[in-house]
Amino acid sequence: MSTRVRLLIVTGSMGAGKTTALGEASDVLAQREFVHAALDFDGLALGRFPANMNRREMAIANLVSIWRNFREAGTTALLLAAAVETRTELDQLRSVVRPDETVCCRLRASIATMEARVRVREPGILQPHFVRRVRDLDAVLDAAAIEDFWVANEDRSVTEVAREMLVRAHWLEDAGSAGHSKVSSD
């Protein structure tokens, strides 16, 4: 087992398929007996907290504890689904995991597809807010441009998306997986 700590962040707007692709990527790795942990960052802070603690602070505190437990068990690879909006947020995640290698993959789908997914996934009272957040968050992620590469997650199987993500991150070898590198405007 490698002692190098590896972090693969799966980012994207709401409805891009982060959690679904994360789960499938974990299954693909597990099938190949690749020791790893997989976490959905948003799931680390569901609820309502006292006024002196925001959701992100709670999620970070929980990530610290959970990652420590995984490391003590010998895990050196973490898949993390998180809509990372700024370099500061990315650095904060890195400071918790302390990886030797970090790769950030952004999942992309059309606004209409992401909004439709959110409408199905979030049928409750906050649905209008979450649907509006899709477009806003997508624009924030475009401006931040923290991803190392992106993967299309529309009209494809989740297994194909997960495998492409893992191959492009160099966590899996597989011939024939094409993808899209970030285009520089420099």
N, C-alpha and C. Protein backbone atom coordinates (compact mmCIF):
# COMPACT_ATOMS: atom_id res chain seq x y z
N MET A 1 0.84 -1.18 0.00
CA MET A 1 0.00 0.00 0.00
C MET A 1 0.89 1.25 0.00
N SER A 2 0.51 2.23 -0.75
CA SER A 2 1.25 3.48 -0.85
C SER A 2 1.14 4.27 0.44
N THR A 3 2.22 4.97 0.79
CA THR A 3 2.16 5.85 1.96
C THR A 3 1.92 7.29 1.54
N ARG A 4 1.96 7.55 0.24
CA ARG A 4 1.65 8.89 -0.26
C ARG A 4 0.15 9.14 -0.10
N VAL A 5 -0.19 10.28 0.43
CA VAL A 5 -1.60 10.64 0.63
C VAL A 5 -2.10 11.34 -0.63
N ARG A 6 -3.22 10.84 -1.13
CA ARG A 6 -3.80 11.37 -2.37
C ARG A 6 -5.21 11.87 -2.09
N LEU A 7 -5.54 13.01 -2.69
CA LEU A 7 -6.87 13.62 -2.55
C LEU A 7 -7.43 13.90 -3.93
N LEU A 8 -8.61 13.36 -4.20
CA LEU A 8 -9.33 13.64 -5.44
C LEU A 8 -10.63 14.34 -5.05
N ILE A 9 -10.72 15.61 -5.42
CA ILE A 9 -11.91 16.40 -5.14
C ILE A 9 -12.80 16.39 -6.37
N VAL A 10 -14.05 16.02 -6.18
CA VAL A 10 -15.06 16.03 -7.24
C VAL A 10 -15.92 17.26 -6.99
N THR A 11 -15.80 18.25 -7.86
CA THR A 11 -16.53 19.50 -7.67
C THR A 11 -17.51 19.70 -8.81
N GLY A 12 -18.34 20.70 -8.69
CA GLY A 12 -19.34 21.01 -9.70
C GLY A 12 -20.51 21.71 -9.04
N SER A 13 -21.38 22.25 -9.84
CA SER A 13 -22.56 22.94 -9.31
C SER A 13 -23.54 21.93 -8.74
N MET A 14 -24.57 22.42 -8.10
CA MET A 14 -25.65 21.55 -7.64
C MET A 14 -26.24 20.84 -8.85
N GLY A 15 -26.47 19.55 -8.74
CA GLY A 15 -27.04 18.79 -9.83
C GLY A 15 -26.04 18.33 -10.88
N ALA A 16 -24.76 18.62 -10.68
CA ALA A 16 -23.74 18.16 -11.63
C ALA A 16 -23.48 16.67 -11.50
N GLY A 17 -23.86 16.08 -10.36
CA GLY A 17 -23.69 14.65 -10.17
C GLY A 17 -22.51 14.27 -9.29
N LYS A 18 -22.06 15.18 -8.44
CA LYS A 18 -20.89 14.94 -7.60
C LYS A 18 -21.07 13.70 -6.72
N THR A 19 -22.16 13.64 -5.99
CA THR A 19 -22.37 12.55 -5.04
C THR A 19 -22.54 11.22 -5.77
N THR A 20 -23.27 11.22 -6.86
CA THR A 20 -23.49 9.99 -7.62
C THR A 20 -22.19 9.49 -8.23
N ALA A 21 -21.42 10.39 -8.84
CA ALA A 21 -20.14 10.00 -9.44
C ALA A 21 -19.15 9.56 -8.36
N LEU A 22 -19.17 10.22 -7.22
CA LEU A 22 -18.31 9.83 -6.10
C LEU A 22 -18.61 8.40 -5.67
N GLY A 23 -19.88 8.08 -5.51
CA GLY A 23 -20.28 6.72 -5.11
C GLY A 23 -19.84 5.68 -6.12
N GLU A 24 -20.00 5.97 -7.39
CA GLU A 24 -19.61 5.02 -8.43
C GLU A 24 -18.09 4.89 -8.51
N ALA A 25 -17.39 6.01 -8.38
CA ALA A 25 -15.92 5.95 -8.39
C ALA A 25 -15.43 5.10 -7.22
N SER A 26 -16.05 5.25 -6.07
CA SER A 26 -15.69 4.43 -4.92
C SER A 26 -15.94 2.96 -5.20
N ASP A 27 -17.06 2.64 -5.84
CA ASP A 27 -17.36 1.25 -6.18
C ASP A 27 -16.34 0.68 -7.17
N VAL A 28 -15.96 1.48 -8.18
CA VAL A 28 -14.96 1.05 -9.16
C VAL A 28 -13.64 0.76 -8.46
N LEU A 29 -13.23 1.66 -7.57
CA LEU A 29 -11.97 1.46 -6.84
C LEU A 29 -12.05 0.24 -5.92
N ALA A 30 -13.15 0.09 -5.22
CA ALA A 30 -13.32 -1.04 -4.30
C ALA A 30 -13.27 -2.37 -5.06
N GLN A 31 -13.88 -2.39 -6.23
CA GLN A 31 -13.87 -3.60 -7.06
C GLN A 31 -12.44 -4.00 -7.43
N ARG A 32 -11.58 -3.01 -7.53
CA ARG A 32 -10.17 -3.26 -7.87
C ARG A 32 -9.29 -3.35 -6.62
N GLU A 33 -9.94 -3.41 -5.45
CA GLU A 33 -9.26 -3.53 -4.16
C GLU A 33 -8.30 -2.37 -3.88
N PHE A 34 -8.67 -1.19 -4.36
CA PHE A 34 -7.92 0.05 -4.15
C PHE A 34 -8.40 0.64 -2.82
N VAL A 35 -7.54 0.67 -1.82
CA VAL A 35 -7.91 1.16 -0.50
C VAL A 35 -8.10 2.68 -0.56
N HIS A 36 -9.27 3.14 -0.11
CA HIS A 36 -9.61 4.56 -0.17
C HIS A 36 -10.79 4.83 0.76
N ALA A 37 -11.07 6.10 0.95
CA ALA A 37 -12.29 6.55 1.63
C ALA A 37 -13.00 7.49 0.68
N ALA A 38 -14.31 7.60 0.82
CA ALA A 38 -15.11 8.50 -0.02
C ALA A 38 -16.10 9.23 0.87
N LEU A 39 -16.11 10.56 0.74
CA LEU A 39 -16.99 11.39 1.58
C LEU A 39 -17.67 12.47 0.76
N ASP A 40 -18.91 12.74 1.11
CA ASP A 40 -19.64 13.88 0.55
C ASP A 40 -19.53 15.00 1.58
N PHE A 41 -18.80 16.05 1.24
CA PHE A 41 -18.52 17.14 2.18
C PHE A 41 -19.81 17.76 2.72
N ASP A 42 -20.81 17.98 1.86
CA ASP A 42 -22.07 18.58 2.31
C ASP A 42 -22.75 17.73 3.38
N GLY A 43 -22.61 16.42 3.27
CA GLY A 43 -23.23 15.52 4.23
C GLY A 43 -22.59 15.56 5.61
N LEU A 44 -21.47 16.25 5.72
CA LEU A 44 -20.79 16.34 7.02
C LEU A 44 -21.36 17.44 7.90
N ALA A 45 -22.35 18.17 7.38
CA ALA A 45 -22.91 19.27 8.18
C ALA A 45 -24.38 19.52 7.85
N LEU A 46 -25.18 18.48 7.90
CA LEU A 46 -26.61 18.66 7.71
C LEU A 46 -27.22 19.05 9.05
N GLY A 47 -28.10 19.99 9.04
CA GLY A 47 -28.77 20.40 10.27
C GLY A 47 -28.74 21.90 10.45
N ARG A 48 -29.14 22.33 11.62
CA ARG A 48 -29.12 23.75 12.01
C ARG A 48 -28.21 23.86 13.22
N PHE A 49 -27.25 24.76 13.15
CA PHE A 49 -26.25 24.86 14.20
C PHE A 49 -26.37 26.19 14.93
N PRO A 50 -25.76 26.29 16.12
CA PRO A 50 -25.79 27.55 16.85
C PRO A 50 -25.22 28.69 16.00
N ALA A 51 -25.62 29.88 16.33
CA ALA A 51 -25.23 31.07 15.55
C ALA A 51 -23.72 31.24 15.46
N ASN A 52 -22.97 30.71 16.43
CA ASN A 52 -21.52 30.90 16.42
C ASN A 52 -20.78 29.89 15.54
N MET A 53 -21.50 29.00 14.86
CA MET A 53 -20.85 28.03 13.97
C MET A 53 -21.64 27.91 12.67
N ASN A 54 -20.97 28.13 11.55
CA ASN A 54 -21.65 27.97 10.27
C ASN A 54 -21.45 26.54 9.76
N ARG A 55 -22.20 26.21 8.72
CA ARG A 55 -22.16 24.84 8.17
C ARG A 55 -20.77 24.45 7.71
N ARG A 56 -20.05 25.35 7.04
CA ARG A 56 -18.72 25.01 6.54
C ARG A 56 -17.77 24.70 7.69
N GLU A 57 -17.82 25.50 8.75
CA GLU A 57 -16.96 25.24 9.92
C GLU A 57 -17.27 23.87 10.52
N MET A 58 -18.56 23.53 10.60
CA MET A 58 -18.94 22.23 11.14
C MET A 58 -18.46 21.10 10.23
N ALA A 59 -18.61 21.28 8.92
CA ALA A 59 -18.15 20.25 7.98
C ALA A 59 -16.64 20.06 8.08
N ILE A 60 -15.89 21.14 8.19
CA ILE A 60 -14.42 21.04 8.33
C ILE A 60 -14.07 20.32 9.62
N ALA A 61 -14.71 20.68 10.73
CA ALA A 61 -14.44 20.02 12.01
C ALA A 61 -14.72 18.53 11.92
N ASN A 62 -15.81 18.16 11.25
CA ASN A 62 -16.14 16.75 11.09
C ASN A 62 -15.16 16.05 10.16
N LEU A 63 -14.73 16.73 9.10
CA LEU A 63 -13.75 16.16 8.19
C LEU A 63 -12.44 15.87 8.92
N VAL A 64 -12.01 16.78 9.79
CA VAL A 64 -10.79 16.57 10.58
C VAL A 64 -10.90 15.25 11.35
N SER A 65 -12.00 15.05 12.03
CA SER A 65 -12.17 13.84 12.85
C SER A 65 -12.27 12.58 12.00
N ILE A 66 -13.08 12.64 10.97
CA ILE A 66 -13.29 11.46 10.13
C ILE A 66 -12.00 11.09 9.39
N TRP A 67 -11.30 12.08 8.83
CA TRP A 67 -10.06 11.79 8.11
C TRP A 67 -9.01 11.21 9.07
N ARG A 68 -8.94 11.73 10.28
CA ARG A 68 -8.00 11.18 11.28
C ARG A 68 -8.30 9.70 11.50
N ASN A 69 -9.57 9.35 11.60
CA ASN A 69 -9.94 7.94 11.79
C ASN A 69 -9.53 7.09 10.59
N PHE A 70 -9.77 7.60 9.39
CA PHE A 70 -9.37 6.85 8.19
C PHE A 70 -7.85 6.68 8.13
N ARG A 71 -7.11 7.75 8.44
CA ARG A 71 -5.63 7.68 8.41
C ARG A 71 -5.12 6.67 9.43
N GLU A 72 -5.68 6.67 10.63
CA GLU A 72 -5.27 5.72 11.65
C GLU A 72 -5.53 4.28 11.22
N ALA A 73 -6.53 4.08 10.37
CA ALA A 73 -6.84 2.76 9.84
C ALA A 73 -5.96 2.39 8.64
N GLY A 74 -5.13 3.34 8.18
CA GLY A 74 -4.22 3.04 7.08
C GLY A 74 -4.64 3.55 5.72
N THR A 75 -5.71 4.35 5.66
CA THR A 75 -6.18 4.88 4.39
C THR A 75 -5.31 6.06 3.96
N THR A 76 -4.89 6.05 2.70
CA THR A 76 -4.05 7.14 2.18
C THR A 76 -4.66 7.82 0.96
N ALA A 77 -5.87 7.45 0.59
CA ALA A 77 -6.52 8.05 -0.57
C ALA A 77 -7.94 8.47 -0.20
N LEU A 78 -8.28 9.71 -0.52
CA LEU A 78 -9.61 10.24 -0.20
C LEU A 78 -10.26 10.82 -1.44
N LEU A 79 -11.46 10.33 -1.74
CA LEU A 79 -12.35 10.92 -2.73
C LEU A 79 -13.29 11.84 -1.96
N LEU A 80 -13.39 13.09 -2.37
CA LEU A 80 -14.22 14.05 -1.63
C LEU A 80 -15.09 14.83 -2.61
N ALA A 81 -16.41 14.70 -2.46
CA ALA A 81 -17.35 15.50 -3.25
C ALA A 81 -17.57 16.81 -2.53
N ALA A 82 -17.25 17.93 -3.20
CA ALA A 82 -17.39 19.24 -2.57
C ALA A 82 -17.44 20.32 -3.64
N ALA A 83 -18.41 21.21 -3.54
CA ALA A 83 -18.46 22.36 -4.44
C ALA A 83 -17.48 23.39 -3.88
N VAL A 84 -16.25 23.36 -4.37
CA VAL A 84 -15.18 24.23 -3.88
C VAL A 84 -15.23 25.52 -4.68
N GLU A 85 -15.58 26.61 -4.01
CA GLU A 85 -15.83 27.88 -4.68
C GLU A 85 -14.63 28.80 -4.77
N THR A 86 -13.63 28.59 -3.94
CA THR A 86 -12.47 29.49 -3.93
C THR A 86 -11.19 28.71 -3.68
N ARG A 87 -10.07 29.33 -4.02
CA ARG A 87 -8.75 28.73 -3.71
C ARG A 87 -8.57 28.61 -2.19
N THR A 88 -9.13 29.55 -1.43
CA THR A 88 -9.04 29.48 0.03
C THR A 88 -9.73 28.23 0.54
N GLU A 89 -10.91 27.92 0.00
CA GLU A 89 -11.62 26.69 0.40
C GLU A 89 -10.81 25.46 0.02
N LEU A 90 -10.21 25.47 -1.16
CA LEU A 90 -9.37 24.35 -1.59
C LEU A 90 -8.19 24.18 -0.64
N ASP A 91 -7.55 25.27 -0.29
CA ASP A 91 -6.42 25.21 0.64
C ASP A 91 -6.85 24.71 2.01
N GLN A 92 -8.05 25.08 2.43
CA GLN A 92 -8.57 24.61 3.72
C GLN A 92 -8.75 23.09 3.72
N LEU A 93 -9.29 22.56 2.63
CA LEU A 93 -9.45 21.10 2.52
C LEU A 93 -8.08 20.42 2.51
N ARG A 94 -7.15 20.99 1.77
CA ARG A 94 -5.79 20.43 1.74
C ARG A 94 -5.15 20.46 3.13
N SER A 95 -5.40 21.51 3.90
CA SER A 95 -4.78 21.60 5.22
C SER A 95 -5.31 20.52 6.16
N VAL A 96 -6.52 20.04 5.93
CA VAL A 96 -7.08 18.96 6.74
C VAL A 96 -6.49 17.61 6.31
N VAL A 97 -6.50 17.34 5.02
CA VAL A 97 -6.07 16.04 4.50
C VAL A 97 -4.55 15.93 4.42
N ARG A 98 -3.89 17.04 4.15
CA ARG A 98 -2.42 17.10 4.00
C ARG A 98 -1.93 16.11 2.94
N PRO A 99 -2.50 16.22 1.75
CA PRO A 99 -2.12 15.27 0.70
C PRO A 99 -0.76 15.60 0.08
N ASP A 100 -0.12 14.56 -0.42
CA ASP A 100 1.08 14.74 -1.24
C ASP A 100 0.66 15.13 -2.66
N GLU A 101 -0.54 14.73 -3.02
CA GLU A 101 -1.07 14.99 -4.36
C GLU A 101 -2.55 15.32 -4.27
N THR A 102 -2.94 16.43 -4.90
CA THR A 102 -4.35 16.82 -4.97
C THR A 102 -4.74 16.97 -6.42
N VAL A 103 -5.87 16.38 -6.79
CA VAL A 103 -6.43 16.54 -8.13
C VAL A 103 -7.87 16.98 -7.95
N CYS A 104 -8.26 17.98 -8.72
CA CYS A 104 -9.62 18.49 -8.64
C CYS A 104 -10.31 18.29 -9.99
N CYS A 105 -11.38 17.52 -9.99
CA CYS A 105 -12.16 17.23 -11.20
C CYS A 105 -13.51 17.93 -11.08
N ARG A 106 -13.83 18.71 -12.09
CA ARG A 106 -15.15 19.36 -12.11
C ARG A 106 -16.08 18.58 -13.02
N LEU A 107 -17.25 18.26 -12.52
CA LEU A 107 -18.28 17.63 -13.34
C LEU A 107 -19.12 18.73 -13.96
N ARG A 108 -19.44 18.56 -15.23
CA ARG A 108 -20.22 19.56 -15.95
C ARG A 108 -21.44 18.91 -16.62
N ALA A 109 -22.51 19.67 -16.60
CA ALA A 109 -23.74 19.32 -17.32
C ALA A 109 -24.40 20.66 -17.67
N SER A 110 -25.36 20.62 -18.56
CA SER A 110 -26.04 21.86 -18.91
C SER A 110 -26.83 22.39 -17.72
N ILE A 111 -27.07 23.69 -17.70
CA ILE A 111 -27.87 24.30 -16.63
C ILE A 111 -29.24 23.62 -16.56
N ALA A 112 -29.86 23.39 -17.70
CA ALA A 112 -31.19 22.76 -17.71
C ALA A 112 -31.15 21.37 -17.07
N THR A 113 -30.13 20.60 -17.38
CA THR A 113 -30.01 19.25 -16.79
C THR A 113 -29.79 19.34 -15.29
N MET A 114 -28.90 20.23 -14.86
CA MET A 114 -28.63 20.35 -13.42
C MET A 114 -29.88 20.83 -12.68
N GLU A 115 -30.60 21.80 -13.25
CA GLU A 115 -31.83 22.27 -12.60
C GLU A 115 -32.86 21.15 -12.51
N ALA A 116 -32.99 20.35 -13.56
CA ALA A 116 -33.95 19.24 -13.54
C ALA A 116 -33.57 18.21 -12.47
N ARG A 117 -32.28 17.92 -12.36
CA ARG A 117 -31.83 16.98 -11.33
C ARG A 117 -32.13 17.51 -9.94
N VAL A 118 -31.90 18.80 -9.72
CA VAL A 118 -32.16 19.40 -8.41
C VAL A 118 -33.65 19.39 -8.11
N ARG A 119 -34.49 19.64 -9.10
CA ARG A 119 -35.95 19.60 -8.88
C ARG A 119 -36.40 18.22 -8.39
N VAL A 120 -35.79 17.18 -8.95
CA VAL A 120 -36.16 15.81 -8.53
C VAL A 120 -35.58 15.51 -7.14
N ARG A 121 -34.34 15.89 -6.93
CA ARG A 121 -33.63 15.57 -5.69
C ARG A 121 -34.13 16.39 -4.50
N GLU A 122 -34.58 17.60 -4.74
CA GLU A 122 -34.97 18.53 -3.67
C GLU A 122 -36.44 18.93 -3.82
N PRO A 123 -37.37 18.03 -3.48
CA PRO A 123 -38.79 18.33 -3.70
C PRO A 123 -39.42 19.21 -2.62
N GLY A 124 -38.69 19.56 -1.60
CA GLY A 124 -39.25 20.25 -0.44
C GLY A 124 -39.32 21.77 -0.55
N ILE A 125 -39.44 22.40 0.61
CA ILE A 125 -39.70 23.83 0.68
C ILE A 125 -38.55 24.69 0.15
N LEU A 126 -37.34 24.18 0.15
CA LEU A 126 -36.20 24.95 -0.33
C LEU A 126 -35.90 24.73 -1.82
N GLN A 127 -36.74 23.98 -2.50
CA GLN A 127 -36.49 23.69 -3.91
C GLN A 127 -36.25 24.93 -4.76
N PRO A 128 -37.08 25.98 -4.69
CA PRO A 128 -36.83 27.16 -5.54
C PRO A 128 -35.44 27.78 -5.28
N HIS A 129 -35.04 27.83 -4.01
CA HIS A 129 -33.71 28.36 -3.67
C HIS A 129 -32.61 27.50 -4.31
N PHE A 130 -32.72 26.19 -4.17
CA PHE A 130 -31.69 25.30 -4.71
C PHE A 130 -31.63 25.36 -6.23
N VAL A 131 -32.78 25.45 -6.88
CA VAL A 131 -32.79 25.55 -8.35
C VAL A 131 -32.12 26.84 -8.80
N ARG A 132 -32.40 27.95 -8.12
CA ARG A 132 -31.72 29.22 -8.46
C ARG A 132 -30.22 29.12 -8.21
N ARG A 133 -29.84 28.39 -7.19
CA ARG A 133 -28.42 28.27 -6.81
C ARG A 133 -27.60 27.56 -7.90
N VAL A 134 -28.22 26.70 -8.69
CA VAL A 134 -27.51 25.96 -9.75
C VAL A 134 -26.74 26.92 -10.65
N ARG A 135 -27.44 27.88 -11.23
CA ARG A 135 -26.84 28.83 -12.18
C ARG A 135 -25.80 29.71 -11.49
N ASP A 136 -26.14 30.20 -10.29
CA ASP A 136 -25.22 31.06 -9.55
C ASP A 136 -23.93 30.33 -9.20
N LEU A 137 -24.06 29.11 -8.67
CA LEU A 137 -22.89 28.34 -8.29
C LEU A 137 -22.04 27.97 -9.50
N ASP A 138 -22.69 27.65 -10.60
CA ASP A 138 -21.95 27.32 -11.83
C ASP A 138 -21.09 28.52 -12.26
N ALA A 139 -21.64 29.73 -12.16
CA ALA A 139 -20.88 30.93 -12.52
C ALA A 139 -19.72 31.16 -11.55
N VAL A 140 -19.94 30.92 -10.27
CA VAL A 140 -18.87 31.05 -9.27
C VAL A 140 -17.74 30.07 -9.57
N LEU A 141 -18.11 28.84 -9.90
CA LEU A 141 -17.10 27.82 -10.20
C LEU A 141 -16.35 28.15 -11.49
N ASP A 142 -17.06 28.72 -12.48
CA ASP A 142 -16.39 29.16 -13.70
C ASP A 142 -15.33 30.21 -13.37
N ALA A 143 -15.68 31.17 -12.54
CA ALA A 143 -14.76 32.25 -12.19
C ALA A 143 -13.58 31.74 -11.36
N ALA A 144 -13.82 30.80 -10.46
CA ALA A 144 -12.76 30.27 -9.60
C ALA A 144 -11.77 29.42 -10.39
N ALA A 145 -12.27 28.64 -11.32
CA ALA A 145 -11.43 27.80 -12.20
C ALA A 145 -10.37 27.01 -11.44
N ILE A 146 -10.77 26.32 -10.39
CA ILE A 146 -9.79 25.58 -9.60
C ILE A 146 -9.55 24.16 -10.10
N GLU A 147 -10.40 23.69 -11.02
CA GLU A 147 -10.30 22.31 -11.46
C GLU A 147 -9.04 22.08 -12.31
N ASP A 148 -8.49 20.87 -12.18
CA ASP A 148 -7.38 20.45 -13.02
C ASP A 148 -7.89 19.98 -14.38
N PHE A 149 -9.10 19.44 -14.38
CA PHE A 149 -9.76 19.00 -15.61
C PHE A 149 -11.25 18.90 -15.32
N TRP A 150 -12.02 18.77 -16.39
CA TRP A 150 -13.46 18.57 -16.21
C TRP A 150 -13.92 17.36 -16.99
N VAL A 151 -15.05 16.82 -16.54
CA VAL A 151 -15.65 15.63 -17.16
C VAL A 151 -17.12 15.93 -17.42
N ALA A 152 -17.56 15.62 -18.63
CA ALA A 152 -18.97 15.80 -18.98
C ALA A 152 -19.81 14.75 -18.25
N ASN A 153 -20.89 15.20 -17.62
CA ASN A 153 -21.76 14.29 -16.88
C ASN A 153 -23.21 14.48 -17.32
N GLU A 154 -23.42 14.24 -18.59
CA GLU A 154 -24.75 14.36 -19.16
C GLU A 154 -24.85 13.35 -20.29
N ASP A 155 -25.96 12.61 -20.31
CA ASP A 155 -26.20 11.60 -21.36
C ASP A 155 -25.09 10.55 -21.41
N ARG A 156 -24.57 10.17 -20.26
CA ARG A 156 -23.54 9.13 -20.15
C ARG A 156 -23.85 8.30 -18.92
N SER A 157 -23.35 7.08 -18.89
CA SER A 157 -23.55 6.26 -17.69
C SER A 157 -22.67 6.78 -16.57
N VAL A 158 -23.13 6.58 -15.35
CA VAL A 158 -22.36 7.01 -14.19
C VAL A 158 -21.03 6.26 -14.13
N THR A 159 -21.01 5.02 -14.59
CA THR A 159 -19.77 4.25 -14.60
C THR A 159 -18.76 4.85 -15.56
N GLU A 160 -19.21 5.26 -16.72
CA GLU A 160 -18.33 5.90 -17.69
C GLU A 160 -17.76 7.20 -17.13
N VAL A 161 -18.59 7.99 -16.49
CA VAL A 161 -18.15 9.26 -15.89
C VAL A 161 -17.13 8.99 -14.79
N ALA A 162 -17.43 8.05 -13.91
CA ALA A 162 -16.52 7.73 -12.79
C ALA A 162 -15.18 7.21 -13.30
N ARG A 163 -15.22 6.33 -14.26
CA ARG A 163 -13.96 5.79 -14.80
C ARG A 163 -13.13 6.87 -15.46
N GLU A 164 -13.76 7.73 -16.24
CA GLU A 164 -13.01 8.81 -16.88
C GLU A 164 -12.37 9.70 -15.82
N MET A 165 -13.12 10.01 -14.80
CA MET A 165 -12.60 10.85 -13.72
C MET A 165 -11.38 10.19 -13.07
N LEU A 166 -11.46 8.92 -12.76
CA LEU A 166 -10.37 8.21 -12.11
C LEU A 166 -9.15 8.06 -13.01
N VAL A 167 -9.37 7.82 -14.28
CA VAL A 167 -8.26 7.70 -15.23
C VAL A 167 -7.56 9.04 -15.37
N ARG A 168 -8.31 10.10 -15.54
CA ARG A 168 -7.71 11.43 -15.73
C ARG A 168 -6.99 11.90 -14.49
N ALA A 169 -7.42 11.42 -13.31
CA ALA A 169 -6.76 11.77 -12.05
C ALA A 169 -5.55 10.86 -11.77
N HIS A 170 -5.34 9.87 -12.64
CA HIS A 170 -4.26 8.89 -12.50
C HIS A 170 -4.44 7.99 -11.28
N TRP A 171 -5.70 7.72 -10.96
CA TRP A 171 -6.02 6.77 -9.89
C TRP A 171 -6.35 5.40 -10.47
N LEU A 172 -6.49 5.34 -11.79
CA LEU A 172 -6.91 4.12 -12.46
C LEU A 172 -6.33 4.14 -13.85
N GLU A 173 -5.87 2.99 -14.32
CA GLU A 173 -5.39 2.90 -15.70
C GLU A 173 -6.50 2.29 -16.54
N ASP A 174 -6.76 2.94 -17.67
CA ASP A 174 -7.82 2.46 -18.55
C ASP A 174 -7.64 3.12 -19.90
N ALA A 175 -7.50 2.34 -20.91
CA ALA A 175 -7.32 2.89 -22.26
C ALA A 175 -8.64 3.42 -22.80
N GLY A 176 -8.54 4.47 -23.57
CA GLY A 176 -9.70 4.95 -24.30
C GLY A 176 -10.58 5.95 -23.57
N SER A 177 -10.16 6.44 -22.43
CA SER A 177 -10.96 7.44 -21.72
C SER A 177 -10.52 8.83 -22.13
N ALA A 178 -11.35 9.50 -22.88
CA ALA A 178 -11.05 10.86 -23.32
C ALA A 178 -11.71 11.83 -22.37
N GLY A 179 -11.17 13.04 -22.28
CA GLY A 179 -11.74 14.04 -21.41
C GLY A 179 -11.42 15.42 -21.89
N HIS A 180 -11.61 16.38 -21.05
CA HIS A 180 -11.47 17.77 -21.43
C HIS A 180 -10.59 18.48 -20.42
N SER A 181 -9.48 19.01 -20.89
CA SER A 181 -8.60 19.78 -20.01
C SER A 181 -9.10 21.20 -19.92
N LYS A 182 -8.71 21.85 -18.84
CA LYS A 182 -9.06 23.24 -18.68
C LYS A 182 -8.41 24.04 -19.80
N VAL A 183 -9.15 24.91 -20.38
CA VAL A 183 -8.63 25.75 -21.47
C VAL A 183 -8.15 27.06 -20.87
N SER A 184 -6.90 27.37 -21.08
CA SER A 184 -6.32 28.59 -20.54
C SER A 184 -6.60 29.75 -21.47
N SER A 185 -6.90 30.89 -20.88
CA SER A 185 -7.14 32.08 -21.70
C SER A 185 -5.90 32.98 -21.72
N ASP A 186 -4.80 32.48 -21.15
CA ASP A 186 -3.56 33.26 -21.10
C ASP A 186 -2.90 33.35 -22.45
